[in-house]
Amino acid sequence: MNTIMENNKRLFGIVVTVAVLLMIPLLGMLFSDQVNWGVEDFVAAGILLLGTGLACEAVMRTVKTRQNRLILCGVILIALALIWIELAVGLFGTRFAGS
């Protein structure tokens, strides 16, 4: 059982990090009227953050060289940023744009 926990430390860290990041807008909603997230916003953010974390974890487990890991994780993070920006303000003007 100890080796199972050791193998999944990063996975546990990813889940905890996503939960903590989702607490930020939740707390913002409690203290300000400027933050107005609905359930669908939390679900979308959770899917994006968890998916990004799991994709980077898959890269870390399967790709052997450090340079390739950094490049692939960087591409994944850039994709997250572009999707997040599009959903928030409509960078590309798709029908999913938030503005």
N, C-alpha and C. Protein backbone atom coordinates (compact mmCIF):
# COMPACT_ATOMS: atom_id res chain seq x y z
N MET A 1 0.83 -1.20 0.00
CA MET A 1 0.00 0.00 0.00
C MET A 1 0.86 1.25 0.00
N ASN A 2 2.01 1.19 0.63
CA ASN A 2 2.89 2.35 0.69
C ASN A 2 3.36 2.76 -0.71
N THR A 3 3.66 1.77 -1.57
CA THR A 3 4.10 2.11 -2.92
C THR A 3 2.97 2.72 -3.74
N ILE A 4 1.73 2.33 -3.47
CA ILE A 4 0.60 2.93 -4.17
C ILE A 4 0.53 4.42 -3.85
N MET A 5 0.69 4.76 -2.58
CA MET A 5 0.65 6.18 -2.19
C MET A 5 1.83 6.95 -2.78
N GLU A 6 3.00 6.33 -2.81
CA GLU A 6 4.16 7.00 -3.37
C GLU A 6 3.99 7.25 -4.86
N ASN A 7 3.39 6.30 -5.58
CA ASN A 7 3.19 6.45 -7.02
C ASN A 7 2.13 7.49 -7.33
N ASN A 8 1.23 7.75 -6.41
CA ASN A 8 0.13 8.65 -6.69
C ASN A 8 0.22 9.97 -5.92
N LYS A 9 1.39 10.34 -5.42
CA LYS A 9 1.55 11.61 -4.71
C LYS A 9 1.23 12.80 -5.62
N ARG A 10 1.75 12.75 -6.83
CA ARG A 10 1.49 13.86 -7.76
C ARG A 10 0.01 13.92 -8.12
N LEU A 11 -0.61 12.76 -8.30
CA LEU A 11 -2.04 12.73 -8.63
C LEU A 11 -2.86 13.34 -7.49
N PHE A 12 -2.53 12.99 -6.27
CA PHE A 12 -3.20 13.58 -5.11
C PHE A 12 -2.96 15.09 -5.07
N GLY A 13 -1.74 15.51 -5.36
CA GLY A 13 -1.40 16.93 -5.40
C GLY A 13 -2.19 17.68 -6.46
N ILE A 14 -2.41 17.04 -7.59
CA ILE A 14 -3.19 17.67 -8.67
C ILE A 14 -4.62 17.89 -8.21
N VAL A 15 -5.22 16.88 -7.62
CA VAL A 15 -6.61 16.99 -7.17
C VAL A 15 -6.74 18.06 -6.09
N VAL A 16 -5.82 18.10 -5.15
CA VAL A 16 -5.86 19.10 -4.09
C VAL A 16 -5.66 20.50 -4.66
N THR A 17 -4.74 20.65 -5.61
CA THR A 17 -4.50 21.94 -6.23
C THR A 17 -5.74 22.44 -6.97
N VAL A 18 -6.40 21.56 -7.70
CA VAL A 18 -7.63 21.95 -8.40
C VAL A 18 -8.69 22.40 -7.40
N ALA A 19 -8.83 21.66 -6.31
CA ALA A 19 -9.82 22.03 -5.29
C ALA A 19 -9.49 23.40 -4.68
N VAL A 20 -8.23 23.65 -4.39
CA VAL A 20 -7.83 24.94 -3.82
C VAL A 20 -8.07 26.06 -4.82
N LEU A 21 -7.74 25.84 -6.09
CA LEU A 21 -7.96 26.87 -7.10
C LEU A 21 -9.44 27.18 -7.28
N LEU A 22 -10.29 26.16 -7.15
CA LEU A 22 -11.72 26.40 -7.27
C LEU A 22 -12.30 27.09 -6.04
N MET A 23 -11.59 27.04 -4.94
CA MET A 23 -12.03 27.74 -3.73
C MET A 23 -11.87 29.26 -3.87
N ILE A 24 -10.96 29.70 -4.73
CA ILE A 24 -10.71 31.13 -4.88
C ILE A 24 -11.96 31.86 -5.38
N PRO A 25 -12.57 31.44 -6.50
CA PRO A 25 -13.79 32.15 -6.91
C PRO A 25 -14.96 31.91 -5.95
N LEU A 26 -14.98 30.75 -5.29
CA LEU A 26 -16.04 30.49 -4.31
C LEU A 26 -15.96 31.49 -3.16
N LEU A 27 -14.76 31.71 -2.65
CA LEU A 27 -14.57 32.70 -1.59
C LEU A 27 -14.83 34.11 -2.11
N GLY A 28 -14.45 34.36 -3.36
CA GLY A 28 -14.72 35.67 -3.95
C GLY A 28 -16.21 35.95 -4.02
N MET A 29 -17.01 34.93 -4.29
CA MET A 29 -18.46 35.10 -4.35
C MET A 29 -19.04 35.40 -2.97
N LEU A 30 -18.40 34.89 -1.93
CA LEU A 30 -18.88 35.13 -0.58
C LEU A 30 -18.64 36.57 -0.12
N PHE A 31 -17.55 37.17 -0.61
CA PHE A 31 -17.15 38.48 -0.11
C PHE A 31 -17.37 39.63 -1.09
N SER A 32 -17.78 39.33 -2.32
CA SER A 32 -17.93 40.39 -3.31
C SER A 32 -19.04 40.05 -4.30
N ASP A 33 -19.67 41.08 -4.81
CA ASP A 33 -20.66 40.89 -5.86
C ASP A 33 -20.01 40.89 -7.24
N GLN A 34 -18.72 41.16 -7.31
CA GLN A 34 -18.01 41.21 -8.58
C GLN A 34 -17.78 39.82 -9.17
N VAL A 35 -17.74 38.80 -8.33
CA VAL A 35 -17.54 37.42 -8.79
C VAL A 35 -18.91 36.76 -8.85
N ASN A 36 -19.29 36.30 -10.03
CA ASN A 36 -20.61 35.73 -10.21
C ASN A 36 -20.50 34.44 -11.02
N TRP A 37 -20.08 33.37 -10.37
CA TRP A 37 -19.94 32.08 -11.04
C TRP A 37 -21.17 31.23 -10.74
N GLY A 38 -21.59 30.48 -11.74
CA GLY A 38 -22.65 29.50 -11.55
C GLY A 38 -22.05 28.11 -11.44
N VAL A 39 -22.90 27.14 -11.25
CA VAL A 39 -22.44 25.75 -11.14
C VAL A 39 -21.71 25.34 -12.41
N GLU A 40 -22.24 25.75 -13.56
CA GLU A 40 -21.61 25.38 -14.83
C GLU A 40 -20.21 25.97 -14.96
N ASP A 41 -19.97 27.13 -14.38
CA ASP A 41 -18.63 27.72 -14.41
C ASP A 41 -17.65 26.89 -13.58
N PHE A 42 -18.09 26.45 -12.41
CA PHE A 42 -17.23 25.63 -11.57
C PHE A 42 -16.95 24.27 -12.22
N VAL A 43 -17.97 23.71 -12.87
CA VAL A 43 -17.78 22.42 -13.55
C VAL A 43 -16.80 22.58 -14.70
N ALA A 44 -16.97 23.62 -15.51
CA ALA A 44 -16.07 23.85 -16.64
C ALA A 44 -14.64 24.09 -16.17
N ALA A 45 -14.49 24.92 -15.15
CA ALA A 45 -13.15 25.20 -14.62
C ALA A 45 -12.53 23.92 -14.03
N GLY A 46 -13.32 23.14 -13.32
CA GLY A 46 -12.82 21.90 -12.75
C GLY A 46 -12.37 20.92 -13.82
N ILE A 47 -13.16 20.80 -14.88
CA ILE A 47 -12.79 19.90 -15.98
C ILE A 47 -11.51 20.37 -16.66
N LEU A 48 -11.43 21.68 -16.92
CA LEU A 48 -10.23 22.21 -17.57
C LEU A 48 -8.98 22.03 -16.71
N LEU A 49 -9.08 22.38 -15.43
CA LEU A 49 -7.92 22.28 -14.55
C LEU A 49 -7.51 20.84 -14.30
N LEU A 50 -8.49 19.99 -14.02
CA LEU A 50 -8.17 18.58 -13.76
C LEU A 50 -7.66 17.91 -15.03
N GLY A 51 -8.27 18.21 -16.17
CA GLY A 51 -7.79 17.64 -17.43
C GLY A 51 -6.37 18.05 -17.74
N THR A 52 -6.06 19.31 -17.49
CA THR A 52 -4.70 19.80 -17.71
C THR A 52 -3.71 19.11 -16.78
N GLY A 53 -4.09 19.01 -15.52
CA GLY A 53 -3.21 18.34 -14.56
C GLY A 53 -2.98 16.89 -14.90
N LEU A 54 -4.04 16.19 -15.29
CA LEU A 54 -3.91 14.77 -15.64
C LEU A 54 -3.12 14.59 -16.93
N ALA A 55 -3.28 15.51 -17.89
CA ALA A 55 -2.51 15.43 -19.12
C ALA A 55 -1.01 15.63 -18.84
N CYS A 56 -0.69 16.60 -17.99
CA CYS A 56 0.71 16.81 -17.62
C CYS A 56 1.25 15.61 -16.84
N GLU A 57 0.43 15.02 -15.99
CA GLU A 57 0.85 13.83 -15.26
C GLU A 57 1.12 12.67 -16.22
N ALA A 58 0.28 12.50 -17.23
CA ALA A 58 0.51 11.46 -18.23
C ALA A 58 1.83 11.69 -18.97
N VAL A 59 2.10 12.96 -19.28
CA VAL A 59 3.37 13.29 -19.93
C VAL A 59 4.53 12.95 -19.01
N MET A 60 4.41 13.31 -17.74
CA MET A 60 5.50 13.04 -16.78
C MET A 60 5.76 11.54 -16.62
N ARG A 61 4.72 10.74 -16.72
CA ARG A 61 4.89 9.29 -16.54
C ARG A 61 5.38 8.59 -17.80
N THR A 62 5.09 9.13 -18.98
CA THR A 62 5.40 8.40 -20.21
C THR A 62 6.60 8.94 -20.99
N VAL A 63 6.83 10.23 -20.95
CA VAL A 63 7.92 10.82 -21.73
C VAL A 63 9.20 10.74 -20.92
N LYS A 64 10.26 10.29 -21.56
CA LYS A 64 11.50 10.00 -20.83
C LYS A 64 12.42 11.21 -20.65
N THR A 65 12.57 12.04 -21.67
CA THR A 65 13.54 13.13 -21.55
C THR A 65 12.90 14.37 -20.93
N ARG A 66 13.69 15.06 -20.15
CA ARG A 66 13.22 16.25 -19.44
C ARG A 66 12.81 17.36 -20.41
N GLN A 67 13.58 17.54 -21.45
CA GLN A 67 13.29 18.59 -22.42
C GLN A 67 11.93 18.35 -23.09
N ASN A 68 11.66 17.13 -23.49
CA ASN A 68 10.38 16.81 -24.13
C ASN A 68 9.22 16.96 -23.15
N ARG A 69 9.45 16.61 -21.88
CA ARG A 69 8.42 16.80 -20.86
C ARG A 69 8.05 18.27 -20.73
N LEU A 70 9.08 19.12 -20.66
CA LEU A 70 8.85 20.56 -20.52
C LEU A 70 8.11 21.12 -21.73
N ILE A 71 8.51 20.70 -22.91
CA ILE A 71 7.86 21.20 -24.12
C ILE A 71 6.39 20.78 -24.16
N LEU A 72 6.12 19.51 -23.91
CA LEU A 72 4.74 19.01 -23.97
C LEU A 72 3.87 19.63 -22.88
N CYS A 73 4.39 19.73 -21.67
CA CYS A 73 3.61 20.36 -20.59
C CYS A 73 3.40 21.84 -20.88
N GLY A 74 4.38 22.49 -21.49
CA GLY A 74 4.21 23.89 -21.88
C GLY A 74 3.12 24.05 -22.91
N VAL A 75 3.07 23.16 -23.89
CA VAL A 75 2.01 23.20 -24.91
C VAL A 75 0.64 22.98 -24.26
N ILE A 76 0.57 22.05 -23.32
CA ILE A 76 -0.69 21.78 -22.62
C ILE A 76 -1.13 23.01 -21.84
N LEU A 77 -0.21 23.67 -21.16
CA LEU A 77 -0.54 24.87 -20.38
C LEU A 77 -0.95 26.03 -21.27
N ILE A 78 -0.32 26.16 -22.43
CA ILE A 78 -0.71 27.21 -23.37
C ILE A 78 -2.12 26.94 -23.89
N ALA A 79 -2.42 25.67 -24.17
CA ALA A 79 -3.78 25.31 -24.62
C ALA A 79 -4.80 25.65 -23.54
N LEU A 80 -4.47 25.35 -22.28
CA LEU A 80 -5.37 25.69 -21.17
C LEU A 80 -5.61 27.20 -21.14
N ALA A 81 -4.54 27.98 -21.24
CA ALA A 81 -4.67 29.43 -21.19
C ALA A 81 -5.53 29.96 -22.33
N LEU A 82 -5.34 29.44 -23.53
CA LEU A 82 -6.12 29.91 -24.67
C LEU A 82 -7.60 29.54 -24.53
N ILE A 83 -7.87 28.35 -24.07
CA ILE A 83 -9.27 27.93 -23.87
C ILE A 83 -9.90 28.77 -22.77
N TRP A 84 -9.17 28.98 -21.68
CA TRP A 84 -9.70 29.76 -20.55
C TRP A 84 -10.01 31.20 -20.99
N ILE A 85 -9.09 31.79 -21.73
CA ILE A 85 -9.29 33.16 -22.21
C ILE A 85 -10.48 33.23 -23.16
N GLU A 86 -10.60 32.25 -24.04
CA GLU A 86 -11.73 32.23 -24.97
C GLU A 86 -13.05 32.12 -24.21
N LEU A 87 -13.11 31.27 -23.22
CA LEU A 87 -14.34 31.13 -22.44
C LEU A 87 -14.64 32.38 -21.63
N ALA A 88 -13.60 33.08 -21.20
CA ALA A 88 -13.80 34.26 -20.34
C ALA A 88 -14.17 35.51 -21.15
N VAL A 89 -13.41 35.80 -22.20
CA VAL A 89 -13.61 37.08 -22.89
C VAL A 89 -13.77 36.96 -24.40
N GLY A 90 -13.62 35.79 -24.96
CA GLY A 90 -13.82 35.63 -26.39
C GLY A 90 -12.67 36.11 -27.23
N LEU A 91 -11.48 35.61 -26.99
CA LEU A 91 -10.28 36.00 -27.74
C LEU A 91 -10.45 35.73 -29.23
N PHE A 92 -11.05 34.60 -29.58
CA PHE A 92 -11.18 34.21 -30.98
C PHE A 92 -12.59 34.46 -31.54
N GLY A 93 -13.51 34.84 -30.69
CA GLY A 93 -14.86 35.15 -31.13
C GLY A 93 -15.71 33.95 -31.51
N THR A 94 -15.44 32.79 -30.92
CA THR A 94 -16.26 31.62 -31.19
C THR A 94 -17.60 31.73 -30.47
N ARG A 95 -18.48 30.81 -30.72
CA ARG A 95 -19.79 30.85 -30.05
C ARG A 95 -19.70 30.48 -28.58
N PHE A 96 -18.53 29.99 -28.14
CA PHE A 96 -18.33 29.65 -26.73
C PHE A 96 -17.81 30.85 -25.93
N ALA A 97 -17.60 31.97 -26.58
CA ALA A 97 -17.01 33.13 -25.95
C ALA A 97 -17.88 33.63 -24.80
N GLY A 98 -17.22 34.07 -23.76
CA GLY A 98 -17.93 34.53 -22.57
C GLY A 98 -18.46 35.94 -22.66
N SER A 99 -17.95 36.73 -23.58
CA SER A 99 -18.40 38.13 -23.63
C SER A 99 -19.55 38.32 -24.58
